[in-house]
N, C-alpha and C. Protein backbone atom coordinates (compact mmCIF):
# COMPACT_ATOMS: atom_id res chain seq x y z
N MET A 1 17.84 -8.22 13.93
CA MET A 1 18.07 -8.41 12.61
C MET A 1 17.97 -7.04 11.99
N LYS A 2 18.74 -7.17 10.73
CA LYS A 2 18.86 -6.09 9.76
C LYS A 2 18.21 -6.44 8.59
N ARG A 3 17.69 -5.16 7.61
CA ARG A 3 17.16 -5.62 6.47
C ARG A 3 17.57 -4.87 5.46
N VAL A 4 17.57 -5.35 4.35
CA VAL A 4 18.70 -4.36 3.16
C VAL A 4 17.30 -4.38 1.93
N ARG A 5 17.62 -3.59 1.09
CA ARG A 5 16.45 -3.59 -0.07
C ARG A 5 17.31 -4.01 -1.16
N CYS A 6 16.40 -4.70 -1.99
CA CYS A 6 17.42 -5.21 -3.32
C CYS A 6 17.31 -3.98 -4.27
N PRO A 7 18.14 -3.57 -4.78
CA PRO A 7 18.27 -1.98 -5.95
C PRO A 7 17.36 -2.44 -6.90
N LYS A 8 17.26 -3.50 -7.62
CA LYS A 8 16.47 -3.68 -8.55
C LYS A 8 14.91 -3.85 -8.58
N CYS A 9 14.20 -4.72 -7.48
CA CYS A 9 12.83 -4.62 -7.58
C CYS A 9 12.48 -4.23 -5.87
N ASP A 10 13.18 -3.90 -5.00
CA ASP A 10 12.83 -3.33 -4.07
C ASP A 10 12.44 -4.22 -2.94
N ASN A 11 12.68 -5.55 -3.18
CA ASN A 11 12.25 -6.74 -2.18
C ASN A 11 13.62 -6.41 -1.16
N PHE A 12 12.36 -6.90 0.01
CA PHE A 12 13.75 -6.37 1.51
C PHE A 12 14.05 -8.01 1.64
N ILE A 13 15.26 -8.26 2.14
CA ILE A 13 15.98 -9.46 2.63
C ILE A 13 16.55 -8.60 3.80
N THR A 14 15.98 -9.91 4.72
CA THR A 14 16.57 -9.49 6.50
C THR A 14 17.82 -10.58 6.46
N PHE A 15 18.87 -10.47 7.38
CA PHE A 15 19.64 -11.17 8.08
C PHE A 15 20.25 -10.76 9.62
N ASP A 16 20.99 -11.49 9.94
CA ASP A 16 21.23 -11.79 11.33
C ASP A 16 22.33 -10.66 11.62
N GLU A 17 22.36 -9.28 11.58
CA GLU A 17 24.02 -8.53 11.74
C GLU A 17 24.91 -9.02 12.80
N THR A 18 24.11 -9.36 13.84
CA THR A 18 25.19 -10.04 15.36
C THR A 18 26.85 -10.74 14.87
N LYS A 19 25.93 -11.81 13.81
CA LYS A 19 27.16 -12.71 13.02
C LYS A 19 28.33 -11.76 12.20
N TYR A 20 28.44 -10.57 12.06
CA TYR A 20 29.05 -9.77 11.05
C TYR A 20 29.84 -8.75 12.23
N LYS A 21 30.73 -8.46 11.67
CA LYS A 21 31.98 -7.26 12.15
C LYS A 21 31.48 -5.96 11.59
N SER A 22 31.79 -4.72 12.52
CA SER A 22 31.24 -3.37 11.31
C SER A 22 32.31 -3.67 10.51
N GLY A 23 31.92 -3.20 9.30
CA GLY A 23 33.00 -2.98 8.37
C GLY A 23 33.16 -4.00 7.39
N GLN A 24 32.48 -5.36 7.49
CA GLN A 24 32.93 -6.39 6.75
C GLN A 24 31.55 -5.88 5.52
N ARG A 25 32.08 -6.85 4.54
CA ARG A 25 31.11 -6.60 3.39
C ARG A 25 30.80 -7.91 3.30
N LEU A 26 29.12 -7.64 2.83
CA LEU A 26 28.38 -8.89 2.53
C LEU A 26 27.94 -8.89 1.37
N VAL A 27 27.49 -10.27 0.47
CA VAL A 27 26.97 -10.26 -0.67
C VAL A 27 25.77 -10.84 -0.71
N PHE A 28 24.70 -10.51 -1.42
CA PHE A 28 23.47 -11.06 -1.35
C PHE A 28 22.83 -11.13 -2.48
N GLN A 29 22.27 -12.32 -2.88
CA GLN A 29 21.43 -12.38 -4.44
C GLN A 29 19.67 -12.79 -3.85
N CYS A 30 19.39 -11.49 -4.50
CA CYS A 30 17.72 -11.50 -4.59
C CYS A 30 16.71 -12.53 -4.52
N PRO A 31 16.18 -13.33 -3.97
CA PRO A 31 15.18 -14.40 -4.10
C PRO A 31 14.03 -14.03 -5.15
N GLN A 32 13.58 -13.09 -5.38
CA GLN A 32 12.62 -12.45 -5.66
C GLN A 32 13.08 -11.96 -7.36
N CYS A 33 14.16 -11.58 -7.59
CA CYS A 33 14.56 -11.29 -8.88
C CYS A 33 16.01 -11.87 -9.36
N GLY A 34 16.41 -12.04 -8.40
CA GLY A 34 18.16 -12.69 -8.56
C GLY A 34 19.04 -12.08 -8.43
N LYS A 35 19.15 -10.67 -8.80
CA LYS A 35 20.34 -9.59 -8.59
C LYS A 35 21.19 -9.89 -7.46
N GLU A 36 22.07 -10.14 -7.67
CA GLU A 36 23.51 -10.03 -6.96
C GLU A 36 24.03 -8.89 -6.40
N PHE A 37 23.64 -8.37 -5.27
CA PHE A 37 24.48 -7.13 -4.35
C PHE A 37 25.05 -7.39 -3.21
N GLY A 38 26.09 -6.13 -2.96
CA GLY A 38 26.80 -6.13 -1.69
C GLY A 38 26.68 -5.13 -0.93
N ILE A 39 26.74 -4.97 0.21
CA ILE A 39 26.73 -3.98 1.31
C ILE A 39 27.85 -4.26 1.89
N ARG A 40 28.15 -2.93 2.76
CA ARG A 40 28.92 -2.82 4.05
C ARG A 40 28.53 -2.71 4.75
N ILE A 41 28.73 -3.74 6.49
CA ILE A 41 27.62 -3.56 7.33
C ILE A 41 28.48 -2.19 8.31
N GLY A 42 27.33 -1.72 8.69
CA GLY A 42 27.74 0.04 9.22
C GLY A 42 26.17 0.23 9.62
N VAL A 43 25.98 1.69 9.50
CA VAL A 43 24.77 2.41 10.05
C VAL A 43 23.61 2.43 8.66
N SER A 44 22.62 1.88 9.12
CA SER A 44 21.47 1.65 8.06
C SER A 44 20.86 3.35 7.69
N LYS A 45 20.51 3.28 6.33
CA LYS A 45 20.08 4.66 5.67
C LYS A 45 18.67 4.18 5.06
N LEU A 46 18.08 3.26 5.29
CA LEU A 46 17.08 2.94 5.13
C LEU A 46 15.68 3.71 6.29
N ARG A 47 14.46 3.57 5.40
CA ARG A 47 13.54 4.02 6.34
C ARG A 47 12.69 2.79 6.94
N LYS A 48 11.67 2.77 7.46
CA LYS A 48 11.35 1.71 8.46
C LYS A 48 9.86 1.29 7.43
N THR A 49 9.55 0.03 7.26
CA THR A 49 9.19 -0.64 6.32
C THR A 49 7.45 0.07 6.54
N GLN A 50 6.35 -0.08 5.59
CA GLN A 50 5.11 0.34 5.80
C GLN A 50 4.49 -0.30 7.32
N LYS A 51 4.72 -1.88 7.12
CA LYS A 51 4.52 -2.71 7.79
C LYS A 51 4.99 -2.20 9.51
N GLU A 52 6.18 -1.77 9.79
CA GLU A 52 7.06 -1.36 11.21
C GLU A 52 5.85 -0.13 11.34
N GLU A 53 6.06 0.96 10.47
CA GLU A 53 5.70 2.16 10.52
C GLU A 53 3.68 1.88 11.28
N ASN A 54 3.16 0.82 10.37
CA ASN A 54 1.72 1.09 10.45
C ASN A 54 1.71 -0.35 11.55
N ASN A 55 2.40 -0.27 12.89
CA ASN A 55 2.47 -1.53 13.39
C ASN A 55 1.46 -1.54 14.56
N SER A 56 0.64 -0.37 14.97
CA SER A 56 -0.15 -0.16 15.52
C SER A 56 -1.61 -1.17 15.37
N PRO A 57 -2.53 -1.46 15.88
CA PRO A 57 -3.82 -1.66 15.72
C PRO A 57 -4.55 -0.85 14.67
N ILE A 58 -5.27 -1.74 14.05
CA ILE A 58 -6.12 -1.14 13.27
C ILE A 58 -7.21 0.04 13.62
N ASP A 59 -7.56 0.10 14.66
CA ASP A 59 -8.67 0.76 15.39
C ASP A 59 -7.90 1.74 16.09
N GLU A 60 -6.98 2.03 16.00
CA GLU A 60 -6.56 3.68 16.65
C GLU A 60 -6.25 4.30 15.90
N ASN A 61 -6.43 5.18 16.49
CA ASN A 61 -6.61 7.16 15.62
C ASN A 61 -5.13 7.29 14.48
N VAL A 62 -5.42 6.71 13.40
CA VAL A 62 -4.25 6.95 12.29
C VAL A 62 -4.87 7.61 11.24
N GLU A 63 -6.30 8.04 11.30
CA GLU A 63 -6.89 8.80 10.43
C GLU A 63 -6.09 9.82 9.70
N SER A 64 -6.55 10.03 8.59
CA SER A 64 -5.74 11.68 8.66
C SER A 64 -7.02 12.41 8.59
N GLN A 65 -7.04 13.37 8.15
CA GLN A 65 -8.23 14.39 8.32
C GLN A 65 -9.17 14.07 6.86
N TYR A 66 -8.74 13.63 6.31
CA TYR A 66 -9.65 13.34 4.91
C TYR A 66 -9.92 11.51 4.73
N GLY A 67 -9.79 11.01 5.88
CA GLY A 67 -9.81 9.54 6.30
C GLY A 67 -8.73 8.79 5.63
N SER A 68 -9.11 7.08 5.93
CA SER A 68 -7.77 6.75 5.35
C SER A 68 -8.40 4.87 4.68
N LEU A 69 -7.44 4.22 4.10
CA LEU A 69 -8.21 2.71 3.37
C LEU A 69 -7.21 1.81 4.91
N HIS A 70 -7.93 1.05 5.01
CA HIS A 70 -7.51 -0.21 5.75
C HIS A 70 -7.41 -1.34 4.67
N VAL A 71 -6.04 -1.65 4.69
CA VAL A 71 -5.75 -2.94 3.56
C VAL A 71 -6.31 -3.94 4.38
N ILE A 72 -6.94 -5.07 4.40
CA ILE A 72 -6.90 -6.36 5.14
C ILE A 72 -5.84 -7.22 4.85
N GLU A 73 -5.34 -8.08 5.89
CA GLU A 73 -4.17 -8.90 5.79
C GLU A 73 -4.69 -9.90 5.17
N ASN A 74 -3.92 -10.55 4.02
CA ASN A 74 -4.40 -11.81 3.13
C ASN A 74 -2.88 -12.35 3.52
N VAL A 75 -2.41 -13.90 2.40
CA VAL A 75 -1.65 -14.31 2.18
C VAL A 75 -0.49 -13.66 1.33
N PHE A 76 -1.00 -12.42 0.53
CA PHE A 76 -0.37 -11.62 -0.15
C PHE A 76 0.69 -10.57 0.40
N HIS A 77 0.21 -9.88 1.57
CA HIS A 77 0.63 -8.60 2.67
C HIS A 77 -0.25 -8.76 3.64
N PHE A 78 0.51 -7.80 4.64
CA PHE A 78 -0.02 -7.62 5.98
C PHE A 78 -0.66 -6.52 6.22
N ARG A 79 -1.35 -6.27 7.10
CA ARG A 79 -2.74 -5.39 7.13
C ARG A 79 -1.89 -3.54 7.12
N GLN A 80 -2.30 -3.11 6.46
CA GLN A 80 -1.92 -1.69 6.16
C GLN A 80 -3.00 -0.39 6.20
N VAL A 81 -2.55 0.54 6.82
CA VAL A 81 -3.47 1.53 6.77
C VAL A 81 -2.81 2.80 6.01
N ILE A 82 -3.32 3.33 4.81
CA ILE A 82 -3.00 4.30 3.77
C ILE A 82 -3.60 5.84 3.91
N PRO A 83 -3.38 6.49 4.49
CA PRO A 83 -3.91 7.81 4.61
C PRO A 83 -4.50 8.43 3.33
N LEU A 84 -5.61 9.53 3.22
CA LEU A 84 -6.02 9.77 2.32
C LEU A 84 -5.90 11.22 1.97
N GLN A 85 -5.73 11.71 0.99
CA GLN A 85 -5.62 13.27 0.87
C GLN A 85 -6.97 13.99 0.28
N MET A 86 -7.04 15.32 0.28
CA MET A 86 -7.80 15.75 -1.02
C MET A 86 -7.42 15.83 -1.95
N GLY A 87 -8.55 15.50 -2.65
CA GLY A 87 -8.57 15.07 -4.21
C GLY A 87 -8.19 13.61 -4.96
N GLU A 88 -7.28 13.30 -6.16
CA GLU A 88 -7.38 12.28 -6.45
C GLU A 88 -6.08 11.25 -5.91
N ASN A 89 -6.93 9.98 -5.32
CA ASN A 89 -5.69 9.14 -4.26
C ASN A 89 -5.75 7.89 -5.52
N VAL A 90 -4.66 7.97 -5.95
CA VAL A 90 -4.72 6.64 -6.95
C VAL A 90 -3.51 5.57 -6.23
N ILE A 91 -4.63 4.83 -6.06
CA ILE A 91 -4.04 3.07 -5.63
C ILE A 91 -3.83 2.40 -6.29
N GLY A 92 -2.73 1.68 -5.96
CA GLY A 92 -2.11 0.52 -6.82
C GLY A 92 -0.87 -0.14 -6.09
N ARG A 93 -0.35 -1.32 -6.43
CA ARG A 93 1.11 -1.89 -6.15
C ARG A 93 1.95 -1.13 -6.22
N TYR A 94 2.80 -1.20 -4.86
CA TYR A 94 3.78 -0.55 -4.72
C TYR A 94 5.04 -1.04 -5.54
N MET A 95 5.56 -0.32 -6.03
CA MET A 95 6.71 -0.61 -7.02
C MET A 95 8.02 0.56 -6.71
N LYS A 96 9.10 0.38 -6.61
CA LYS A 96 9.98 1.55 -7.18
C LYS A 96 10.02 2.26 -8.18
N GLY A 97 9.70 3.17 -8.15
CA GLY A 97 9.40 4.24 -9.14
C GLY A 97 8.35 4.63 -9.63
N ASN A 98 7.20 3.77 -9.17
CA ASN A 98 5.28 3.99 -9.30
C ASN A 98 5.09 5.58 -8.74
N PRO A 99 4.46 6.25 -9.58
CA PRO A 99 4.61 7.55 -9.00
C PRO A 99 2.84 7.60 -8.15
N ILE A 100 2.24 6.53 -8.18
CA ILE A 100 1.07 6.72 -7.13
C ILE A 100 1.41 7.24 -5.80
N ASN A 101 0.56 7.50 -5.13
CA ASN A 101 0.30 8.13 -3.73
C ASN A 101 -0.53 7.54 -2.75
N CYS A 102 -0.97 6.21 -3.36
CA CYS A 102 -1.64 5.14 -2.25
C CYS A 102 -1.16 4.12 -2.74
N PRO A 103 0.17 3.51 -2.19
CA PRO A 103 1.00 2.45 -2.51
C PRO A 103 0.41 1.41 -1.63
N ILE A 104 -0.06 0.16 -2.03
CA ILE A 104 0.10 -1.18 -0.99
C ILE A 104 0.98 -1.99 -1.44
N GLU A 105 2.23 -2.33 -0.69
CA GLU A 105 3.06 -3.24 -0.54
C GLU A 105 2.53 -4.61 -0.61
N THR A 106 2.55 -5.40 -1.69
CA THR A 106 1.73 -6.52 -1.79
C THR A 106 2.51 -7.11 -2.99
N VAL A 107 2.69 -8.41 -2.90
CA VAL A 107 2.91 -9.43 -3.75
C VAL A 107 1.98 -9.94 -4.89
N ASP A 108 0.61 -9.32 -4.42
CA ASP A 108 -0.25 -9.86 -5.21
C ASP A 108 -0.22 -9.66 -6.77
N PRO A 109 -0.38 -10.58 -7.60
CA PRO A 109 -0.23 -10.02 -8.59
C PRO A 109 -1.27 -9.79 -9.79
N SER A 110 -2.70 -9.85 -9.02
CA SER A 110 -3.97 -9.30 -9.40
C SER A 110 -4.44 -7.96 -9.12
N VAL A 111 -3.21 -7.38 -8.51
CA VAL A 111 -3.37 -5.71 -7.91
C VAL A 111 -2.23 -4.89 -9.09
N ASP A 112 -3.24 -4.31 -9.77
CA ASP A 112 -2.41 -3.38 -10.92
C ASP A 112 -1.30 -2.41 -10.25
N MET A 113 -0.47 -1.73 -11.13
CA MET A 113 0.54 -0.68 -10.45
C MET A 113 -0.53 0.89 -10.26
N THR A 114 -1.50 0.77 -11.32
CA THR A 114 -2.69 1.99 -10.95
C THR A 114 -4.12 1.17 -11.26
N HIS A 115 -4.60 0.38 -10.10
CA HIS A 115 -5.51 -0.30 -10.32
C HIS A 115 -6.70 0.47 -10.22
N CYS A 116 -6.90 1.59 -9.14
CA CYS A 116 -8.32 2.46 -9.28
C CYS A 116 -7.74 3.76 -8.47
N THR A 117 -8.80 4.72 -8.41
CA THR A 117 -8.64 5.95 -7.69
C THR A 117 -9.93 6.18 -6.85
N ILE A 118 -9.49 6.73 -5.91
CA ILE A 118 -10.60 7.38 -5.03
C ILE A 118 -10.85 8.89 -4.70
N THR A 119 -11.46 9.89 -5.19
CA THR A 119 -11.29 11.12 -5.44
C THR A 119 -11.87 11.80 -4.07
N VAL A 120 -11.27 12.35 -3.26
CA VAL A 120 -11.64 12.79 -2.06
C VAL A 120 -12.09 14.29 -2.84
N SER A 121 -13.78 14.76 -2.02
CA SER A 121 -14.08 16.18 -2.38
C SER A 121 -14.96 16.62 -1.30
N LYS A 122 -15.49 17.93 -1.51
CA LYS A 122 -16.43 18.19 -0.48
C LYS A 122 -17.56 18.56 -1.36
N ASP A 123 -18.71 18.06 -0.84
CA ASP A 123 -20.28 18.02 -1.76
C ASP A 123 -20.57 19.92 -1.39
N LYS A 124 -21.95 19.88 -1.59
CA LYS A 124 -22.20 21.47 -1.58
C LYS A 124 -22.73 21.62 -0.53
N ASN A 125 -22.73 20.76 0.69
CA ASN A 125 -22.88 21.01 2.00
C ASN A 125 -21.26 20.90 2.92
N GLY A 126 -20.64 20.91 2.20
CA GLY A 126 -19.38 20.80 3.07
C GLY A 126 -18.87 19.47 3.39
N LYS A 127 -19.33 18.60 3.32
CA LYS A 127 -19.44 17.18 3.90
C LYS A 127 -18.44 16.17 2.99
N LEU A 128 -17.50 15.48 3.27
CA LEU A 128 -16.38 14.64 2.40
C LEU A 128 -17.15 13.92 1.87
N GLN A 129 -16.91 13.43 0.29
CA GLN A 129 -17.58 12.87 -0.43
C GLN A 129 -16.33 11.99 -0.87
N TYR A 130 -16.61 10.51 -1.42
CA TYR A 130 -15.52 9.52 -1.72
C TYR A 130 -16.22 9.34 -2.95
N VAL A 131 -15.31 9.49 -3.96
CA VAL A 131 -15.65 9.17 -5.34
C VAL A 131 -15.09 7.85 -5.64
N LEU A 132 -15.12 6.51 -6.26
CA LEU A 132 -14.63 5.38 -6.60
C LEU A 132 -14.54 5.10 -7.54
N ARG A 133 -13.43 4.79 -8.78
CA ARG A 133 -13.46 4.34 -10.03
C ARG A 133 -12.46 3.84 -10.38
N ASP A 134 -12.36 2.73 -11.28
CA ASP A 134 -11.43 1.77 -11.70
C ASP A 134 -10.57 2.35 -12.69
N GLY A 135 -9.05 1.91 -12.63
CA GLY A 135 -7.99 2.35 -13.03
C GLY A 135 -8.23 2.70 -14.52
N PRO A 136 -8.68 2.17 -15.85
CA PRO A 136 -8.88 0.48 -15.64
C PRO A 136 -7.74 -0.63 -15.57
N SER A 137 -8.25 -1.45 -14.80
CA SER A 137 -7.02 -2.35 -14.28
C SER A 137 -7.60 -3.70 -15.19
N TYR A 138 -6.62 -4.70 -15.14
CA TYR A 138 -6.97 -5.97 -15.74
C TYR A 138 -7.70 -7.12 -15.00
N THR A 139 -7.70 -6.71 -14.18
CA THR A 139 -8.77 -7.81 -12.84
C THR A 139 -9.83 -7.03 -12.20
N GLY A 140 -10.53 -5.70 -12.53
CA GLY A 140 -11.47 -5.08 -11.88
C GLY A 140 -11.56 -4.43 -10.70
N THR A 141 -12.44 -3.57 -9.97
CA THR A 141 -12.37 -3.55 -8.87
C THR A 141 -14.05 -3.58 -8.40
N PHE A 142 -14.08 -4.25 -7.01
CA PHE A 142 -15.69 -4.76 -6.99
C PHE A 142 -16.13 -4.07 -5.57
N VAL A 143 -16.96 -3.55 -6.10
CA VAL A 143 -17.72 -2.57 -4.67
C VAL A 143 -19.07 -3.69 -4.48
N ASP A 144 -19.38 -4.45 -3.10
CA ASP A 144 -20.63 -5.21 -2.70
C ASP A 144 -20.37 -6.09 -4.06
N ASN A 145 -19.36 -6.63 -4.07
CA ASN A 145 -19.24 -7.77 -5.26
C ASN A 145 -19.77 -7.61 -6.40
N VAL A 146 -19.65 -6.59 -6.88
CA VAL A 146 -20.31 -5.90 -8.02
C VAL A 146 -19.18 -5.36 -8.85
N ILE A 147 -18.74 -5.68 -10.22
CA ILE A 147 -17.75 -4.86 -10.65
C ILE A 147 -17.70 -3.48 -11.14
N LEU A 148 -16.99 -2.43 -11.54
CA LEU A 148 -17.21 -1.30 -11.87
C LEU A 148 -16.94 -1.12 -13.39
N GLY A 149 -17.86 -0.72 -13.91
CA GLY A 149 -17.37 -0.58 -15.61
C GLY A 149 -16.12 0.29 -15.50
N ASP A 150 -15.87 0.09 -17.08
CA ASP A 150 -14.62 0.97 -16.90
C ASP A 150 -14.70 2.30 -16.79
N ARG A 151 -15.47 2.93 -17.19
CA ARG A 151 -15.95 4.42 -16.79
C ARG A 151 -16.74 5.05 -16.10
N GLU A 152 -17.18 3.94 -14.98
CA GLU A 152 -18.25 4.27 -13.88
C GLU A 152 -17.67 4.84 -12.91
N ARG A 153 -18.18 5.83 -11.95
CA ARG A 153 -17.93 6.22 -10.85
C ARG A 153 -18.97 5.78 -9.94
N ARG A 154 -18.40 5.17 -8.62
CA ARG A 154 -19.05 4.75 -7.47
C ARG A 154 -18.92 5.56 -6.05
N VAL A 155 -19.88 6.53 -5.58
CA VAL A 155 -19.99 6.84 -4.70
C VAL A 155 -19.73 5.97 -3.49
N ILE A 156 -18.80 6.10 -2.47
CA ILE A 156 -18.62 5.14 -1.27
C ILE A 156 -18.65 5.89 0.10
N GLU A 157 -19.22 4.93 0.82
CA GLU A 157 -19.06 5.94 2.19
C GLU A 157 -17.92 5.25 3.14
N GLY A 158 -18.08 5.77 4.46
CA GLY A 158 -17.28 5.20 5.69
C GLY A 158 -17.54 3.88 5.66
N GLY A 159 -16.72 2.93 5.77
CA GLY A 159 -17.20 1.16 6.50
C GLY A 159 -17.62 0.75 4.93
N THR A 160 -17.27 1.24 3.75
CA THR A 160 -17.65 0.52 2.36
C THR A 160 -16.22 -0.34 2.46
N LEU A 161 -16.87 -1.67 2.09
CA LEU A 161 -15.76 -2.61 1.63
C LEU A 161 -15.21 -2.79 -0.20
N PHE A 162 -14.21 -2.50 -0.70
CA PHE A 162 -14.12 -2.86 -1.88
C PHE A 162 -12.70 -3.81 -2.07
N THR A 163 -12.71 -4.37 -3.28
CA THR A 163 -11.78 -5.53 -3.65
C THR A 163 -10.80 -4.81 -4.77
N ILE A 164 -9.55 -5.24 -4.79
CA ILE A 164 -9.19 -5.08 -6.17
C ILE A 164 -8.17 -6.32 -6.06
N GLY A 165 -8.32 -7.16 -7.00
CA GLY A 165 -7.35 -7.96 -7.21
C GLY A 165 -7.88 -9.20 -6.07
N ALA A 166 -7.07 -9.64 -5.15
CA ALA A 166 -7.47 -10.56 -4.18
C ALA A 166 -7.32 -9.50 -2.88
N THR A 167 -6.99 -8.43 -2.79
CA THR A 167 -7.03 -7.78 -1.67
C THR A 167 -8.09 -7.04 -1.58
N SER A 168 -8.81 -6.87 -0.30
CA SER A 168 -9.67 -6.27 0.55
C SER A 168 -9.49 -5.23 0.92
N ILE A 169 -10.34 -3.89 0.80
CA ILE A 169 -10.02 -2.32 1.32
C ILE A 169 -11.31 -2.06 1.97
N ILE A 170 -10.89 -1.48 3.45
CA ILE A 170 -12.43 -0.79 3.63
C ILE A 170 -12.02 0.62 3.79
N LEU A 171 -12.76 1.75 3.41
CA LEU A 171 -12.85 2.95 3.76
C LEU A 171 -13.27 3.39 5.31
N GLN A 172 -12.20 4.07 5.52
CA GLN A 172 -12.58 4.56 7.17
C GLN A 172 -12.50 6.20 6.94
N THR A 173 -13.66 6.75 7.61
CA THR A 173 -13.87 8.37 7.22
C THR A 173 -13.51 8.94 8.59
N PRO A 174 -13.21 10.07 8.33
CA PRO A 174 -12.72 10.85 10.11
C PRO A 174 -13.66 11.05 10.85
N ASP A 175 -15.01 11.07 10.15
CA ASP A 175 -15.91 11.21 10.97
C ASP A 175 -16.89 9.98 11.92
N GLY A 176 -16.00 8.80 11.36
CA GLY A 176 -16.30 7.46 12.00
C GLY A 176 -17.36 6.84 11.39
N ASP A 177 -17.72 7.28 10.35
CA ASP A 177 -18.90 6.89 9.28
C ASP A 177 -18.73 5.16 8.79
């Protein structure tokens, strides 16, 4: 199976390439946005989807040196592992041209384009510290079923479960806390 990406909304469309000859031209209509576009069968230049890149079990050592976010699979998206970096990690819904650095590939309408931020820094003892704050977003960010206020910041630890829209995320730290 091959896949093509809609040039308008970035949605993937899969098709069986064995039914066509090399050099043949195909026309697709995106089921998400309705855009019609054509391709020529040949060598693909697309990168792997995040699902294909993260096709390993969630408990494997895919942590970055600053930890990672484990997005729990639900009806809107598949399980994803997103590495964190030092500084601000802006979390939101993946969309072409969105300048966030922790994109979640989802169709969940309750996840904003820039929903929340996790700031990774070191405390005075040199230990990694994770501070979560809301974007501000339309649906809010919840930690332990309590919504964060507009300007509220919350220090979170490894294993903390937080929710953005209908999407649940677990923070995994490199030291395994």
